[in-house]
């Protein structure tokens, strides 16, 4: 169970970070300085989840594994965000690229490796 908590924290942190990085795209009429400050404010919450996720996760996973999981979670969160919040469809080439990145997880974690 303790190995699952870092994944949940990474998921939550990525939701915050996705909004910090891309949420402002719906507010193009707002001044850039205001958008930057708002993004930093949102990102502060992201760190409250990201740092504990890595600290706890490193008890079970290597740093490379944590980073790989974070990237896949980022893509999944961004995919949902892109479609639902930004109303930008994912195309077949985006999905193929995401699948290839998920396949990279298998290599990083050594799936199929004999002990």
C-alpha atoms as a PDB file:
ATOM      1  CA  UNK A   1       0.000   0.000   0.000  1.00  0.00           C
ATOM      2  CA  UNK A   2       2.851   2.408   0.769  1.00  0.00           C
ATOM      3  CA  UNK A   3       4.094   1.911  -2.784  1.00  0.00           C
ATOM      4  CA  UNK A   4       0.714   3.122  -4.119  1.00  0.00           C
ATOM      5  CA  UNK A   5       0.653   6.384  -2.140  1.00  0.00           C
ATOM      6  CA  UNK A   6       3.456   7.983  -4.191  1.00  0.00           C
ATOM      7  CA  UNK A   7       1.491   7.238  -7.371  1.00  0.00           C
ATOM      8  CA  UNK A   8      -1.600   8.928  -5.952  1.00  0.00           C
ATOM      9  CA  UNK A   9       0.473  11.929  -4.865  1.00  0.00           C
ATOM     10  CA  UNK A  10       2.073  12.113  -8.322  1.00  0.00           C
ATOM     11  CA  UNK A  11      -1.377  12.069  -9.900  1.00  0.00           C
ATOM     12  CA  UNK A  12      -2.614  14.920  -7.700  1.00  0.00           C
ATOM     13  CA  UNK A  13       0.566  16.939  -8.245  1.00  0.00           C
ATOM     14  CA  UNK A  14       0.252  16.537 -12.004  1.00  0.00           C
ATOM     15  CA  UNK A  15      -3.315  17.819 -11.991  1.00  0.00           C
ATOM     16  CA  UNK A  16      -2.105  20.993 -10.272  1.00  0.00           C
ATOM     17  CA  UNK A  17       0.915  21.346 -12.549  1.00  0.00           C
ATOM     18  CA  UNK A  18      -1.112  20.837 -15.709  1.00  0.00           C
ATOM     19  CA  UNK A  19      -3.444  23.638 -14.665  1.00  0.00           C
ATOM     20  CA  UNK A  20      -0.465  25.813 -13.715  1.00  0.00           C
ATOM     21  CA  UNK A  21       1.247  25.284 -17.061  1.00  0.00           C
ATOM     22  CA  UNK A  22      -1.721  25.131 -19.442  1.00  0.00           C
ATOM     23  CA  UNK A  23      -4.848  26.379 -17.650  1.00  0.00           C
ATOM     24  CA  UNK A  24      -4.095  29.975 -18.588  1.00  0.00           C
ATOM     25  CA  UNK A  25      -4.520  29.163 -22.288  1.00  0.00           C
ATOM     26  CA  UNK A  26      -8.252  29.781 -21.848  1.00  0.00           C
ATOM     27  CA  UNK A  27      -7.545  33.277 -20.486  1.00  0.00           C
ATOM     28  CA  UNK A  28      -5.639  34.899 -23.338  1.00  0.00           C
ATOM     29  CA  UNK A  29      -7.167  38.273 -22.521  1.00  0.00           C
ATOM     30  CA  UNK A  30      -5.487  38.393 -19.086  1.00  0.00           C
ATOM     31  CA  UNK A  31      -2.147  40.172 -18.642  1.00  0.00           C
ATOM     32  CA  UNK A  32       0.872  37.886 -18.826  1.00  0.00           C
ATOM     33  CA  UNK A  33       2.183  39.026 -15.426  1.00  0.00           C
ATOM     34  CA  UNK A  34      -1.120  38.064 -13.781  1.00  0.00           C
ATOM     35  CA  UNK A  35      -1.107  34.683 -15.506  1.00  0.00           C
ATOM     36  CA  UNK A  36       2.464  34.035 -14.360  1.00  0.00           C
ATOM     37  CA  UNK A  37       1.601  34.867 -10.742  1.00  0.00           C
ATOM     38  CA  UNK A  38      -1.523  32.708 -10.845  1.00  0.00           C
ATOM     39  CA  UNK A  39       0.463  29.838 -12.351  1.00  0.00           C
ATOM     40  CA  UNK A  40       3.098  30.112  -9.637  1.00  0.00           C
ATOM     41  CA  UNK A  41       0.382  30.068  -6.994  1.00  0.00           C
ATOM     42  CA  UNK A  42      -1.076  26.878  -8.430  1.00  0.00           C
ATOM     43  CA  UNK A  43       2.379  25.334  -8.805  1.00  0.00           C
ATOM     44  CA  UNK A  44       3.072  25.898  -5.094  1.00  0.00           C
ATOM     45  CA  UNK A  45       0.347  23.368  -4.321  1.00  0.00           C
ATOM     46  CA  UNK A  46       1.891  20.988  -6.843  1.00  0.00           C
ATOM     47  CA  UNK A  47       5.133  20.928  -4.869  1.00  0.00           C
ATOM     48  CA  UNK A  48       3.212  19.998  -1.707  1.00  0.00           C
ATOM     49  CA  UNK A  49       2.363  16.711  -3.436  1.00  0.00           C
ATOM     50  CA  UNK A  50       5.353  16.188  -5.741  1.00  0.00           C
ATOM     51  CA  UNK A  51       8.063  16.386  -3.078  1.00  0.00           C
ATOM     52  CA  UNK A  52       6.404  13.895  -0.692  1.00  0.00           C
ATOM     53  CA  UNK A  53       5.632  11.616  -3.649  1.00  0.00           C
ATOM     54  CA  UNK A  54       9.301  11.445  -4.552  1.00  0.00           C
ATOM     55  CA  UNK A  55      10.450  11.156  -0.941  1.00  0.00           C
ATOM     56  CA  UNK A  56       8.046   8.300  -0.165  1.00  0.00           C
ATOM     57  CA  UNK A  57       8.390   6.748  -3.594  1.00  0.00           C
ATOM     58  CA  UNK A  58      12.163   6.517  -3.364  1.00  0.00           C
ATOM     59  CA  UNK A  59      11.682   3.949  -0.588  1.00  0.00           C
ATOM     60  CA  UNK A  60      10.238   1.586  -3.217  1.00  0.00           C
ATOM     61  CA  UNK A  61      11.448   2.852  -6.595  1.00  0.00           C
ATOM     62  CA  UNK A  62      14.640   4.210  -8.099  1.00  0.00           C
ATOM     63  CA  UNK A  63      14.796   7.871  -9.116  1.00  0.00           C
ATOM     64  CA  UNK A  64      14.667   6.825 -12.781  1.00  0.00           C
ATOM     65  CA  UNK A  65      11.545   4.761 -12.136  1.00  0.00           C
ATOM     66  CA  UNK A  66       9.900   7.652 -10.279  1.00  0.00           C
ATOM     67  CA  UNK A  67      10.661  10.050 -13.123  1.00  0.00           C
ATOM     68  CA  UNK A  68       9.333   7.599 -15.696  1.00  0.00           C
ATOM     69  CA  UNK A  69       6.105   7.106 -13.744  1.00  0.00           C
ATOM     70  CA  UNK A  70       5.770  10.866 -13.396  1.00  0.00           C
ATOM     71  CA  UNK A  71       6.093  11.369 -17.152  1.00  0.00           C
ATOM     72  CA  UNK A  72       3.447   8.761 -17.950  1.00  0.00           C
ATOM     73  CA  UNK A  73       1.102  10.211 -15.334  1.00  0.00           C
ATOM     74  CA  UNK A  74       1.741  13.663 -16.819  1.00  0.00           C
ATOM     75  CA  UNK A  75       0.756  12.442 -20.269  1.00  0.00           C
ATOM     76  CA  UNK A  76      -2.401  10.776 -18.994  1.00  0.00           C
ATOM     77  CA  UNK A  77      -3.439  13.849 -17.015  1.00  0.00           C
ATOM     78  CA  UNK A  78      -2.596  16.137 -19.923  1.00  0.00           C
ATOM     79  CA  UNK A  79      -4.548  13.961 -22.361  1.00  0.00           C
ATOM     80  CA  UNK A  80      -7.684  14.220 -20.239  1.00  0.00           C
ATOM     81  CA  UNK A  81      -7.068  17.945 -19.641  1.00  0.00           C
ATOM     82  CA  UNK A  82      -6.536  18.649 -23.327  1.00  0.00           C
ATOM     83  CA  UNK A  83      -9.782  16.979 -24.338  1.00  0.00           C
ATOM     84  CA  UNK A  84     -12.003  18.103 -21.462  1.00  0.00           C
ATOM     85  CA  UNK A  85     -10.706  21.545 -20.471  1.00  0.00           C
ATOM     86  CA  UNK A  86      -9.116  22.870 -23.654  1.00  0.00           C
ATOM     87  CA  UNK A  87     -11.515  21.020 -25.997  1.00  0.00           C
ATOM     88  CA  UNK A  88      -8.573  19.959 -28.162  1.00  0.00           C
ATOM     89  CA  UNK A  89      -8.940  16.454 -29.556  1.00  0.00           C
ATOM     90  CA  UNK A  90      -6.199  13.882 -29.340  1.00  0.00           C
ATOM     91  CA  UNK A  91      -5.288  12.557 -32.760  1.00  0.00           C
ATOM     92  CA  UNK A  92      -4.087   9.092 -33.667  1.00  0.00           C
ATOM     93  CA  UNK A  93      -0.443  10.195 -33.811  1.00  0.00           C
ATOM     94  CA  UNK A  94      -0.690  11.635 -30.282  1.00  0.00           C
ATOM     95  CA  UNK A  95      -2.090   8.344 -29.029  1.00  0.00           C
ATOM     96  CA  UNK A  96       0.633   6.322 -30.766  1.00  0.00           C
ATOM     97  CA  UNK A  97       3.257   8.568 -29.197  1.00  0.00           C
ATOM     98  CA  UNK A  98       1.698   8.112 -25.761  1.00  0.00           C
ATOM     99  CA  UNK A  99       1.614   4.333 -26.218  1.00  0.00           C
ATOM    100  CA  UNK A 100       5.296   4.326 -27.143  1.00  0.00           C
ATOM    101  CA  UNK A 101       6.104   6.315 -24.019  1.00  0.00           C
ATOM    102  CA  UNK A 102       4.114   3.893 -21.890  1.00  0.00           C
ATOM    103  CA  UNK A 103       6.062   1.061 -23.527  1.00  0.00           C
ATOM    104  CA  UNK A 104       9.216   2.820 -22.350  1.00  0.00           C
ATOM    105  CA  UNK A 105       8.041   2.174 -18.797  1.00  0.00           C
ATOM    106  CA  UNK A 106       8.407  -1.522 -19.492  1.00  0.00           C
ATOM    107  CA  UNK A 107      12.031  -1.021 -20.399  1.00  0.00           C
ATOM    108  CA  UNK A 108      12.775   1.229 -17.427  1.00  0.00           C
ATOM    109  CA  UNK A 109      11.160  -1.183 -14.980  1.00  0.00           C
ATOM    110  CA  UNK A 110      12.708  -4.193 -16.690  1.00  0.00           C
ATOM    111  CA  UNK A 111       9.452  -6.033 -17.380  1.00  0.00           C
ATOM    112  CA  UNK A 112      10.136  -9.389 -18.925  1.00  0.00           C
ATOM    113  CA  UNK A 113      13.579  -9.511 -17.341  1.00  0.00           C
ATOM    114  CA  UNK A 114      14.465 -12.803 -15.771  1.00  0.00           C
ATOM    115  CA  UNK A 115      15.649 -12.542 -12.165  1.00  0.00           C
END
